[in-house]
Amino acid sequence: MGTSLLDDFSLEMTAKDIAGLEEAHPTIPPGTRINITFLGNEDLPMRLAAARAVKRLGFVPVPHISARRLKSRGELEQFLAGLKADGTAENVFVVGGDPARAEGPYEDALAVIRTGLLRHHGVRHAGISGYPEGHPAITGPVLWSALTDKHAALGKELLAGDVITQFGFDVDPVLAWVEETRARGMDLPIRIGVPGPAGVRRLTTYAARFGVGTSAAIARKYGFSLTNLMGTAGPDRFLRALADGYDAGRHGVVKVHFYTFGGLGATSEWIARFRQEG
């Protein structure tokens, strides 16, 4: 690709993916950051076990903290204390989460960051979300103020961080959003969300859920057809376009984060092949 965009990619898994990670681990570079989602159908022991497995296999665990899923301050403290005891607390990713209403005291990621509990429990790096194509439930101005507020809060809490974006199929709005982020004074590294190879039907289902544009023209540009939902698609065209459009002077530090909709194994094997092909 003639770029370092894929030199330090990150991956995503759920707490139920430990077996998949063990199977895929020979194809994943040592030290790769692996985010562990915080889903409603998983419990504390499962999340902690997944973080331990990531560390045991030689990768960097990045457990998610879903603000609106937390039922109490005590639940947040219990999770962070468990991570600290296991030596897996250094990196986390803080997100508002799917529930429309908070199940406890935290309305959003900012509220969790401002508790001061992260650093107290050994967190040194916290990832936050970015939405280049907007969010189905949050307006653009609110998204920008949330991002700038979270960026400021990380600095106040003496936490390093990065921004991981929602995935998309079109490079142009992504790079425009990165440039706007820099213009607003935010210098955190940005990890561009990219779907790993997956079935077209699954990709379009996730896209609809997250408000990501999938017009026929964008789908064609990305490399799949909305009329053939039985096919599969990988992000090769997207990544080549990203590399072509990337300008370090305008866009700052940019890396890639893979959402493993098609599975950890399929994604990591696809990345290894793509990097070899250049």
Protein backbone atom coordinates (compact mmCIF):
# COMPACT_ATOMS: atom_id res chain seq x y z
CA MET A 1 0.00 0.00 0.00
CA GLY A 2 3.01 2.30 0.18
CA THR A 3 1.86 3.49 3.61
CA SER A 4 2.19 2.59 7.27
CA LEU A 5 -1.58 2.64 7.79
CA LEU A 6 -1.62 -1.15 8.38
CA ASP A 7 1.58 -1.34 10.44
CA ASP A 8 -0.30 -1.12 13.73
CA PHE A 9 -3.89 -2.17 13.02
CA SER A 10 -6.29 -3.19 15.78
CA LEU A 11 -9.04 -5.82 15.90
CA GLU A 12 -12.32 -6.31 17.72
CA MET A 13 -13.78 -9.38 19.44
CA THR A 14 -16.58 -10.24 21.84
CA ALA A 15 -16.12 -12.00 25.16
CA LYS A 16 -17.41 -15.17 23.47
CA ASP A 17 -14.61 -15.18 20.87
CA ILE A 18 -11.81 -16.67 22.99
CA ALA A 19 -11.75 -19.93 21.00
CA GLY A 20 -11.72 -17.95 17.75
CA LEU A 21 -8.84 -15.83 19.00
CA GLU A 22 -6.82 -18.89 20.00
CA GLU A 23 -7.37 -20.34 16.53
CA ALA A 24 -6.51 -17.08 14.74
CA HIS A 25 -3.57 -16.01 16.88
CA PRO A 26 -0.77 -17.38 14.61
CA THR A 27 -1.92 -14.98 11.86
CA ILE A 28 -2.09 -11.89 14.13
CA PRO A 29 1.13 -9.91 14.76
CA PRO A 30 2.30 -10.04 18.41
CA GLY A 31 1.40 -6.88 20.31
CA THR A 32 -1.73 -6.18 18.24
CA ARG A 33 -4.37 -4.20 20.13
CA ILE A 34 -7.57 -6.22 20.46
CA ASN A 35 -10.73 -4.49 21.62
CA ILE A 36 -13.20 -6.54 23.67
CA THR A 37 -16.80 -5.40 23.34
CA PHE A 38 -19.12 -4.83 26.31
CA LEU A 39 -22.39 -6.45 25.25
CA GLY A 40 -25.58 -6.81 27.26
CA ASN A 41 -25.61 -10.61 27.00
CA GLU A 42 -22.15 -11.01 28.55
CA ASP A 43 -21.20 -10.79 32.21
CA LEU A 44 -18.20 -9.61 34.22
CA PRO A 45 -16.38 -12.98 34.44
CA MET A 46 -16.68 -13.44 30.64
CA ARG A 47 -15.28 -9.98 29.94
CA LEU A 48 -12.39 -10.45 32.36
CA ALA A 49 -11.62 -13.92 30.93
CA ALA A 50 -11.49 -12.50 27.41
CA ALA A 51 -9.04 -9.76 28.45
CA ARG A 52 -6.83 -12.37 30.16
CA ALA A 53 -6.88 -14.54 27.01
CA VAL A 54 -5.84 -11.61 24.83
CA LYS A 55 -2.91 -10.89 27.15
CA ARG A 56 -1.93 -14.57 27.44
CA LEU A 57 -1.73 -14.90 23.66
CA GLY A 58 0.68 -11.97 23.39
CA PHE A 59 -1.69 -9.18 22.37
CA VAL A 60 -2.79 -5.94 24.04
CA PRO A 61 -6.27 -6.17 25.58
CA VAL A 62 -8.49 -3.11 25.18
CA PRO A 63 -11.67 -3.85 27.17
CA HIS A 64 -14.70 -1.73 26.32
CA ILE A 65 -16.64 0.13 28.99
CA SER A 66 -20.22 0.78 27.89
CA ALA A 67 -21.41 3.76 29.96
CA ARG A 68 -25.17 3.28 29.64
CA ARG A 69 -24.97 -0.46 30.39
CA LEU A 70 -23.41 0.17 33.82
CA LYS A 71 -26.04 -0.15 36.52
CA SER A 72 -24.03 1.55 39.27
CA ARG A 73 -20.71 3.15 40.17
CA GLY A 74 -19.98 -0.07 42.06
CA GLU A 75 -20.32 -2.10 38.86
CA LEU A 76 -17.78 0.15 37.12
CA GLU A 77 -15.40 -0.12 40.07
CA GLN A 78 -15.78 -3.92 40.16
CA PHE A 79 -14.94 -4.21 36.46
CA LEU A 80 -11.93 -1.89 36.72
CA ALA A 81 -10.68 -3.62 39.89
CA GLY A 82 -10.93 -7.00 38.13
CA LEU A 83 -8.96 -5.71 35.15
CA LYS A 84 -6.33 -4.21 37.45
CA ALA A 85 -5.95 -7.48 39.38
CA ASP A 86 -5.45 -9.35 36.08
CA GLY A 87 -2.96 -6.82 34.70
CA THR A 88 -5.31 -5.95 31.83
CA ALA A 89 -6.42 -2.44 32.85
CA GLU A 90 -3.83 -0.27 31.09
CA ASN A 91 -5.90 0.25 27.93
CA VAL A 92 -9.68 0.66 27.72
CA PHE A 93 -12.21 1.98 25.21
CA VAL A 94 -15.07 4.07 26.62
CA VAL A 95 -18.31 4.29 24.67
CA GLY A 96 -21.86 5.43 25.40
CA GLY A 97 -23.27 2.07 24.32
CA ASP A 98 -26.43 0.84 22.61
CA PRO A 99 -29.17 1.34 25.24
CA ALA A 100 -31.29 4.40 24.45
CA ARG A 101 -31.56 5.08 28.18
CA ALA A 102 -28.85 4.71 30.80
CA GLU A 103 -29.34 1.69 33.06
CA GLY A 104 -27.43 3.50 35.83
CA PRO A 105 -25.67 6.77 36.61
CA TYR A 106 -23.63 7.22 33.40
CA GLU A 107 -25.33 8.91 30.45
CA ASP A 108 -22.29 8.81 28.18
CA ALA A 109 -18.58 8.04 27.87
CA LEU A 110 -17.67 11.51 29.14
CA ALA A 111 -19.39 10.81 32.47
CA VAL A 112 -17.27 7.66 32.93
CA ILE A 113 -14.02 9.46 32.06
CA ARG A 114 -14.83 12.27 34.51
CA THR A 115 -15.28 9.89 37.47
CA GLY A 116 -11.49 9.70 37.90
CA LEU A 117 -11.86 5.95 38.41
CA LEU A 118 -9.98 4.98 35.25
CA ARG A 119 -6.56 6.27 36.23
CA HIS A 120 -7.15 5.22 39.86
CA HIS A 121 -7.45 1.59 38.67
CA GLY A 122 -4.38 1.64 36.44
CA VAL A 123 -5.81 2.81 33.13
CA ARG A 124 -3.25 4.81 31.16
CA HIS A 125 -4.84 4.94 27.71
CA ALA A 126 -8.54 5.39 26.87
CA GLY A 127 -10.04 5.16 23.41
CA ILE A 128 -13.13 7.19 22.47
CA SER A 129 -15.61 7.01 19.56
CA GLY A 130 -15.80 9.09 16.41
CA TYR A 131 -18.62 9.17 13.83
CA PRO A 132 -17.51 10.41 10.38
CA GLU A 133 -20.96 9.79 8.87
CA GLY A 134 -22.90 10.89 11.93
CA HIS A 135 -24.99 8.86 14.35
CA PRO A 136 -28.64 7.84 13.83
CA ALA A 137 -29.67 9.16 17.25
CA ILE A 138 -27.31 12.14 17.79
CA THR A 139 -27.02 15.36 15.77
CA GLY A 140 -23.75 16.56 14.22
CA PRO A 141 -23.13 19.55 16.56
CA VAL A 142 -23.72 17.33 19.61
CA LEU A 143 -21.28 14.73 18.26
CA TRP A 144 -18.59 17.37 17.76
CA SER A 145 -19.03 18.86 21.23
CA ALA A 146 -18.99 15.36 22.76
CA LEU A 147 -15.72 14.56 20.97
CA THR A 148 -14.02 17.81 21.99
CA ASP A 149 -15.27 17.41 25.58
CA LYS A 150 -13.95 13.83 25.78
CA HIS A 151 -10.62 14.93 24.29
CA ALA A 152 -10.33 17.66 26.95
CA ALA A 153 -11.38 15.29 29.75
CA LEU A 154 -8.69 12.76 28.80
CA GLY A 155 -6.09 15.52 29.08
CA LYS A 156 -7.44 16.60 32.45
CA GLU A 157 -7.33 13.00 33.73
CA LEU A 158 -3.73 12.64 32.42
CA LEU A 159 -4.80 9.79 30.13
CA ALA A 160 -3.37 9.12 26.70
CA GLY A 161 -5.95 8.13 24.10
CA ASP A 162 -7.06 7.62 20.55
CA VAL A 163 -10.27 7.89 18.54
CA ILE A 164 -11.80 4.82 16.89
CA THR A 165 -14.34 5.64 14.21
CA GLN A 166 -17.54 3.90 13.27
CA PHE A 167 -16.98 1.89 10.09
CA GLY A 168 -17.92 3.21 6.69
CA PHE A 169 -17.80 2.22 3.03
CA ASP A 170 -16.77 5.57 1.53
CA VAL A 171 -13.31 7.08 2.15
CA ASP A 172 -14.20 10.68 1.20
CA PRO A 173 -16.39 11.57 4.23
CA VAL A 174 -13.95 9.77 6.52
CA LEU A 175 -10.92 11.80 5.42
CA ALA A 176 -12.96 15.02 5.46
CA TRP A 177 -14.00 14.22 9.04
CA VAL A 178 -10.38 13.51 10.07
CA GLU A 179 -9.32 16.85 8.61
CA GLU A 180 -12.13 18.63 10.48
CA THR A 181 -11.06 16.90 13.70
CA ARG A 182 -7.53 18.27 13.28
CA ALA A 183 -8.89 21.75 12.46
CA ARG A 184 -10.76 21.66 15.78
CA GLY A 185 -7.47 21.13 17.63
CA MET A 186 -7.69 17.42 18.42
CA ASP A 187 -4.36 15.69 17.91
CA LEU A 188 -5.14 12.17 19.18
CA PRO A 189 -4.26 9.27 16.85
CA ILE A 190 -7.33 8.23 14.86
CA ARG A 191 -8.13 4.61 14.03
CA ILE A 192 -10.38 4.38 11.01
CA GLY A 193 -13.05 1.70 11.46
CA VAL A 194 -13.10 -0.81 8.61
CA PRO A 195 -15.30 -3.92 8.31
CA GLY A 196 -13.28 -7.10 7.90
CA PRO A 197 -14.38 -9.42 5.08
CA ALA A 198 -17.98 -10.51 5.58
CA GLY A 199 -21.17 -11.41 3.77
CA VAL A 200 -22.82 -8.49 2.00
CA ARG A 201 -26.12 -9.13 3.79
CA ARG A 202 -24.40 -8.94 7.18
CA LEU A 203 -22.48 -5.78 6.20
CA THR A 204 -25.62 -3.99 5.04
CA THR A 205 -27.51 -5.07 8.18
CA TYR A 206 -24.82 -3.56 10.42
CA ALA A 207 -24.66 -0.45 8.21
CA ALA A 208 -28.40 0.13 8.58
CA ARG A 209 -28.18 -0.34 12.34
CA PHE A 210 -25.40 2.25 12.70
CA GLY A 211 -26.69 4.76 10.17
CA VAL A 212 -23.84 4.19 7.70
CA GLY A 213 -24.51 5.16 4.08
CA THR A 214 -24.90 2.23 1.65
CA SER A 215 -26.24 3.68 -1.59
CA ALA A 216 -25.71 1.58 -4.71
CA ALA A 217 -22.97 3.97 -5.86
CA ILE A 218 -21.07 3.71 -2.56
CA ALA A 219 -21.48 -0.08 -2.50
CA ARG A 220 -20.08 -0.34 -6.03
CA LYS A 221 -17.15 1.90 -5.08
CA TYR A 222 -16.46 -0.32 -2.08
CA GLY A 223 -16.66 -3.49 -4.13
CA PHE A 224 -20.01 -5.16 -3.52
CA SER A 225 -23.46 -5.12 -5.06
CA LEU A 226 -26.67 -4.39 -3.19
CA THR A 227 -28.48 -6.59 -5.70
CA ASN A 228 -26.30 -9.61 -4.84
CA LEU A 229 -26.62 -9.97 -1.10
CA MET A 230 -25.32 -13.56 -1.24
CA GLY A 231 -21.76 -12.39 -2.01
CA THR A 232 -18.94 -11.46 0.35
CA ALA A 233 -16.84 -8.30 0.38
CA GLY A 234 -13.47 -7.30 1.77
CA PRO A 235 -12.21 -3.77 2.36
CA ASP A 236 -9.35 -3.83 -0.19
CA ARG A 237 -10.73 -0.98 -2.34
CA PHE A 238 -11.48 1.11 0.73
CA LEU A 239 -7.97 0.62 2.16
CA ARG A 240 -6.28 1.45 -1.16
CA ALA A 241 -8.40 4.60 -1.48
CA LEU A 242 -7.58 5.51 2.12
CA ALA A 243 -3.85 5.11 1.44
CA ASP A 244 -4.14 7.20 -1.74
CA GLY A 245 -6.01 10.01 0.02
CA TYR A 246 -4.03 10.02 3.25
CA ASP A 247 -1.75 13.02 3.84
CA ALA A 248 0.16 12.97 7.14
CA GLY A 249 0.42 16.77 7.13
CA ARG A 250 -3.36 17.24 6.96
CA HIS A 251 -4.60 14.08 8.67
CA GLY A 252 -2.02 13.46 11.43
CA VAL A 253 -1.55 9.97 12.89
CA VAL A 254 -4.05 7.59 11.26
CA LYS A 255 -4.28 3.81 11.75
CA VAL A 256 -6.90 1.16 10.96
CA HIS A 257 -9.32 -0.69 13.26
CA PHE A 258 -11.07 -3.81 11.93
CA TYR A 259 -14.60 -4.72 12.96
CA THR A 260 -14.60 -8.51 12.66
CA PHE A 261 -18.17 -9.03 11.45
CA GLY A 262 -17.04 -12.07 9.47
CA GLY A 263 -15.02 -13.56 12.34
CA LEU A 264 -11.54 -13.04 13.81
CA GLY A 265 -9.95 -15.82 11.76
CA ALA A 266 -11.30 -14.64 8.41
CA THR A 267 -10.33 -11.05 9.18
CA SER A 268 -6.78 -11.77 10.38
CA GLU A 269 -6.09 -14.10 7.43
CA TRP A 270 -7.44 -11.50 5.01
CA ILE A 271 -5.19 -8.79 6.53
CA ALA A 272 -2.11 -11.04 6.32
CA ARG A 273 -2.80 -11.74 2.62
CA PHE A 274 -3.53 -8.10 1.84
CA ARG A 275 -0.28 -6.93 3.48
CA GLN A 276 1.73 -9.50 1.51
CA GLU A 277 0.14 -8.39 -1.75
CA GLY A 278 1.07 -4.79 -0.95
